């Protein structure tokens, strides 16, 4: 019985380790980045930080600076429409 528990723990750990990369956020491809940056400029943003595709399927843009100098964290939908602006 004692040998079964370590094997079960090891098996569970291996399964979770293989799932972790699938759950991780990712950076945009060059083509995606170009489209996202064009949308940000059209919306009046002058600069921004990291852009990542979140697990939920939306894009997160950190530290986006609007034309008035205010800074936001943005959430963009798959269609690149701004879903949410969180003041930074």
Protein backbone atom coordinates (compact mmCIF):
# COMPACT_ATOMS: atom_id res chain seq x y z
CA UNK A 1 0.00 0.00 0.00
CA UNK A 2 2.84 2.41 0.78
CA UNK A 3 4.20 2.05 -2.74
CA UNK A 4 0.85 2.93 -4.32
CA UNK A 5 0.71 6.43 -2.82
CA UNK A 6 4.08 7.64 -4.21
CA UNK A 7 3.18 6.20 -7.65
CA UNK A 8 -0.17 8.01 -7.55
CA UNK A 9 1.49 11.28 -6.53
CA UNK A 10 4.10 10.93 -9.26
CA UNK A 11 1.46 10.14 -11.88
CA UNK A 12 -0.63 13.15 -10.87
CA UNK A 13 2.44 15.40 -10.92
CA UNK A 14 3.38 14.24 -14.42
CA UNK A 15 -0.15 14.82 -15.74
CA UNK A 16 -0.28 18.33 -14.26
CA UNK A 17 3.20 19.15 -15.61
CA UNK A 18 2.11 18.26 -19.14
CA UNK A 19 -1.03 20.42 -18.83
CA UNK A 20 0.80 23.51 -17.51
CA UNK A 21 2.12 24.73 -20.90
CA UNK A 22 -1.36 24.47 -22.39
CA UNK A 23 -2.70 26.73 -19.65
CA UNK A 24 0.04 29.35 -19.92
CA UNK A 25 -0.46 32.79 -21.43
CA UNK A 26 1.32 33.42 -24.72
CA UNK A 27 2.85 36.31 -26.58
CA UNK A 28 1.28 37.42 -29.88
CA UNK A 29 2.73 36.29 -33.18
CA UNK A 30 4.27 39.10 -35.25
CA UNK A 31 1.08 39.30 -37.34
CA UNK A 32 -1.14 39.44 -34.24
CA UNK A 33 1.08 42.11 -32.68
CA UNK A 34 0.83 44.25 -35.82
CA UNK A 35 -2.98 44.05 -35.81
CA UNK A 36 -3.24 44.72 -32.05
CA UNK A 37 -0.88 47.70 -32.22
CA UNK A 38 -2.85 49.17 -35.14
CA UNK A 39 -6.05 48.93 -33.08
CA UNK A 40 -4.34 50.53 -30.08
CA UNK A 41 -3.15 53.47 -32.23
CA UNK A 42 -6.66 53.87 -33.71
CA UNK A 43 -8.00 54.03 -30.14
CA UNK A 44 -5.56 56.85 -29.37
CA UNK A 45 -2.99 54.97 -27.32
CA UNK A 46 0.56 56.20 -27.75
CA UNK A 47 2.56 53.42 -26.06
CA UNK A 48 2.06 50.20 -24.11
CA UNK A 49 3.86 47.38 -22.35
CA UNK A 50 3.41 43.63 -22.57
CA UNK A 51 0.73 42.08 -24.75
CA UNK A 52 -0.41 38.54 -23.89
CA UNK A 53 -3.20 36.19 -24.87
CA UNK A 54 -4.80 35.16 -21.58
CA UNK A 55 -6.21 31.72 -20.81
CA UNK A 56 -9.71 33.16 -21.07
CA UNK A 57 -9.14 33.86 -24.76
CA UNK A 58 -8.76 37.64 -24.59
CA UNK A 59 -5.74 39.83 -25.09
CA UNK A 60 -4.30 41.76 -22.17
CA UNK A 61 -2.30 44.91 -22.83
CA UNK A 62 -0.36 46.26 -19.86
CA UNK A 63 0.38 49.93 -19.22
CA UNK A 64 -1.34 51.37 -22.30
CA UNK A 65 -0.95 55.16 -22.28
CA UNK A 66 -3.85 57.13 -23.75
CA UNK A 67 -3.44 60.42 -25.61
CA UNK A 68 -4.32 62.32 -22.41
CA UNK A 69 -1.44 60.61 -20.57
CA UNK A 70 -3.60 58.31 -18.45
CA UNK A 71 -2.42 54.72 -18.15
CA UNK A 72 -4.64 51.63 -18.42
CA UNK A 73 -4.49 47.87 -18.47
CA UNK A 74 -6.66 46.81 -21.40
CA UNK A 75 -8.56 43.65 -22.21
CA UNK A 76 -9.29 43.06 -25.89
CA UNK A 77 -11.68 40.47 -27.26
CA UNK A 78 -10.81 38.01 -30.01
CA UNK A 79 -12.15 40.63 -32.47
CA UNK A 80 -9.70 43.15 -30.85
CA UNK A 81 -12.48 45.38 -29.51
CA UNK A 82 -11.66 46.89 -26.13
CA UNK A 83 -13.68 44.92 -23.57
CA UNK A 84 -12.35 46.63 -20.47
CA UNK A 85 -10.08 49.54 -19.45
CA UNK A 86 -8.68 49.30 -15.96
CA UNK A 87 -6.97 52.49 -14.73
CA UNK A 88 -3.40 51.70 -13.81
